[in-house]
Amino acid sequence: MNEIRSNADIEPCLSVVMPVYNEAATIEQAVAAVLAQRPVQELIAVDDGSRDGSRVVLERLAQATPRLRLFLQEANQGKGAALRLGFAQATAPYVIVQDADLEYDPAEYHLLLSPLLAGRADVVFGSRFKGANAQRVLYFWHSVGNKFLTFLSNMATDLNLTDMETCYKVFRREIIQRLRLEENRFGFEPEVTAKVARLGVRIYEVAVSYYGRTYAEGKKIGWRDGIHAIGCIIKYNLLKRS
């Protein structure tokens, strides 16, 4: 595989789907970081009923930035619901999920796109646990929980992923748009993993950096989401296979 050295080497080919819920502290910086990357053809931001001023910031940025396409959900429906809307609107050849909290670095898009552009992959997962990239040291049990969910998911899908719960997932647009996604909240991760595994497409995994937030800094995922993820692994791999 030919290595791609930087984002500057890649022509615009990427739709970035960004679900936003109460991220006023980081949203302007996140939008700027995404749009600074040359591979980004468009940024599709879906405000999921924010009440902290995020929507006002996004509306201002969208008026000044043609590559930022803004969609509004009046009531909070959850990350999965926001992603469904964003995926349906994507027009570029490749589609990536980008959270608005800057835990993941848009400057690493080239790492995720490399297997796709080389014609070797159809879906790429960015792993926080795979390599030597920078990782903020945070919660032990949160890390254990992520690895346990990945283990259960791998048992059900027969994949050998190291980080099923990662935000960074890149898809060929025709693949993500053909999936019938149902989960409205954080169950999106095990659901989409189960459904792409069932397609038999080529899945790659690359190491990415992770600058995680504490709960005091606004982290939203908790133990209840982990319990729900286990239910989703069972549901979409063993009970519901359509």
Foldseek 3Di string as FASTA:
>chain_A
DDADDFLVVAAAFEEEEEEDAQQVVQQVVLVVQQVVRRNHQAYEYEYQQHDNCSVVVLVVVVVVDVRYHYHYDNHHQADLVSVLVSLVPDDGQKYKYDYRNPQFGSRCVSVQCVCVVVVNFFKEAADQPDDDAAEDDDDPVVLVLQQVLVVLLCVLLVDDDRGLQGRTMMGRSVVVNVDDDDDRYSLRSSQVSLQVSVVVTGYYYHYGYGNDDDVVSPDDDDVVVSVVNSVSSCCPRPNDPD
